[in-house]
Amino acid sequence: MTRIVMLALMAGWAGQASAADLGLTLPLSTDATITAARYQCDDGRDLPLRYVNAGGNALAIIPLEGEDLIFVNVVAASGARYVAGMWEWWSKGDEATLTRAGEPGITCKTTADPAN
């Protein structure tokens, strides 16, 4: 019974938090890296990304649909695969594929200017 009440309370808090702006703080160790990259996609998108590697955390921050989405690294047979909700970012070398669930992937290639 206590667990159900706690889950209900947590669900209520989550609902309230989704309406507010939230920040995410990730403590970075001295060996953590943040790398900027820029990709030009076949559909005309220009994507400035930031890759964050901090200990066991590997993230890609990608601007999509008017907001910065945080993609989390997941297991991949080759390359680096990141997911955020219905989105997948799979990179290998100078190329990457951006896929939204149920839609064909978009091929993207790195550009010389990584400035964000």
Protein backbone atom coordinates (compact mmCIF):
# COMPACT_ATOMS: atom_id res chain seq x y z
CA MET A 1 0.00 0.00 0.00
CA THR A 2 2.79 2.42 0.85
CA ARG A 3 4.41 1.83 -2.54
CA ILE A 4 1.22 2.65 -4.41
CA VAL A 5 0.80 5.90 -2.51
CA MET A 6 4.44 6.83 -3.10
CA LEU A 7 4.15 6.04 -6.83
CA ALA A 8 0.97 8.12 -7.05
CA LEU A 9 2.69 11.03 -5.30
CA MET A 10 5.73 10.70 -7.56
CA ALA A 11 3.49 10.65 -10.65
CA GLY A 12 1.80 13.83 -9.42
CA TRP A 13 5.14 15.54 -8.92
CA ALA A 14 6.31 14.44 -12.36
CA GLY A 15 3.18 15.99 -13.88
CA GLN A 16 3.85 19.28 -12.14
CA ALA A 17 7.52 19.25 -13.12
CA SER A 18 6.75 18.72 -16.80
CA ALA A 19 4.93 22.07 -16.91
CA ALA A 20 7.99 23.93 -15.59
CA ASP A 21 11.42 24.51 -17.03
CA LEU A 22 13.83 21.99 -15.60
CA GLY A 23 17.59 22.02 -15.60
CA LEU A 24 19.94 19.08 -15.68
CA THR A 25 23.24 19.18 -13.88
CA LEU A 26 25.80 16.53 -14.68
CA PRO A 27 28.91 16.68 -12.51
CA LEU A 28 31.93 16.57 -14.79
CA SER A 29 35.15 14.93 -13.69
CA THR A 30 38.50 16.23 -14.85
CA ASP A 31 38.58 13.63 -17.64
CA ALA A 32 35.11 14.60 -18.98
CA THR A 33 34.88 16.01 -22.49
CA ILE A 34 32.39 18.16 -24.35
CA THR A 35 32.91 18.10 -28.10
CA ALA A 36 31.13 20.33 -30.62
CA ALA A 37 30.24 18.97 -34.04
CA ARG A 38 28.14 20.24 -36.92
CA TYR A 39 26.31 18.08 -39.42
CA GLN A 40 24.65 18.93 -42.73
CA CYS A 41 21.77 16.59 -43.50
CA ASP A 42 20.30 15.47 -46.84
CA ASP A 43 16.97 17.12 -45.96
CA GLY A 44 18.69 20.52 -45.55
CA ARG A 45 18.98 20.49 -41.75
CA ASP A 46 22.06 22.07 -40.26
CA LEU A 47 22.61 20.36 -36.89
CA PRO A 48 25.06 21.79 -34.34
CA LEU A 49 25.61 19.02 -31.78
CA ARG A 50 27.43 18.68 -28.51
CA TYR A 51 28.74 15.32 -27.38
CA VAL A 52 29.24 14.94 -23.62
CA ASN A 53 31.36 12.09 -22.24
CA ALA A 54 31.63 12.04 -18.46
CA GLY A 55 32.57 8.79 -16.76
CA GLY A 56 29.85 6.28 -17.59
CA ASN A 57 27.63 8.94 -19.20
CA ALA A 58 27.72 9.49 -22.96
CA LEU A 59 25.21 11.99 -24.31
CA ALA A 60 24.50 13.87 -27.52
CA ILE A 61 22.62 17.16 -27.30
CA ILE A 62 20.80 17.80 -30.56
CA PRO A 63 18.50 20.72 -31.40
CA LEU A 64 15.27 19.32 -32.89
CA GLU A 65 11.74 20.69 -33.08
CA GLY A 66 12.68 23.94 -31.36
CA GLU A 67 14.40 22.46 -28.31
CA ASP A 68 17.66 20.80 -27.30
CA LEU A 69 16.99 17.09 -26.92
CA ILE A 70 19.28 14.97 -24.76
CA PHE A 71 20.15 11.69 -26.46
CA VAL A 72 21.60 8.87 -24.35
CA ASN A 73 24.20 6.46 -25.71
CA VAL A 74 22.94 2.87 -26.06
CA VAL A 75 24.51 -0.38 -27.25
CA ALA A 76 25.42 -0.46 -30.95
CA ALA A 77 27.09 -3.10 -33.11
CA SER A 78 29.31 -0.38 -34.60
CA GLY A 79 29.59 3.38 -34.35
CA ALA A 80 27.83 5.36 -31.63
CA ARG A 81 24.06 5.09 -31.23
CA TYR A 82 22.04 7.57 -29.16
CA VAL A 83 18.30 7.69 -28.48
CA ALA A 84 15.83 10.28 -27.16
CA GLY A 85 12.17 9.32 -27.11
CA MET A 86 11.14 8.59 -30.70
CA TRP A 87 14.48 9.80 -32.13
CA GLU A 88 17.67 7.86 -32.91
CA TRP A 89 21.09 9.32 -33.84
CA TRP A 90 23.58 6.76 -35.13
CA SER A 91 27.01 8.03 -36.10
CA LYS A 92 30.07 6.35 -37.51
CA GLY A 93 33.05 8.28 -38.78
CA ASP A 94 31.98 11.43 -40.62
CA GLU A 95 28.42 10.24 -41.28
CA ALA A 96 25.33 9.83 -39.14
CA THR A 97 21.70 8.87 -39.56
CA LEU A 98 18.87 10.72 -37.83
CA THR A 99 15.69 8.65 -37.58
CA ARG A 100 12.29 9.41 -36.14
CA ALA A 101 10.29 6.29 -35.24
CA GLY A 102 8.23 5.05 -38.18
CA GLU A 103 9.97 7.32 -40.71
CA PRO A 104 12.93 6.76 -43.05
CA GLY A 105 16.34 7.87 -41.76
CA ILE A 106 18.06 11.07 -42.87
CA THR A 107 21.76 10.91 -43.73
CA CYS A 108 23.96 13.65 -42.24
CA LYS A 109 27.66 14.42 -42.75
CA THR A 110 30.03 16.42 -40.59
CA THR A 111 31.08 19.85 -41.77
CA ALA A 112 34.37 21.66 -41.24
CA ASP A 113 32.83 24.24 -38.86
CA PRO A 114 31.77 22.70 -35.52
CA ALA A 115 30.87 26.08 -33.95
CA ASN A 116 27.57 26.06 -32.08
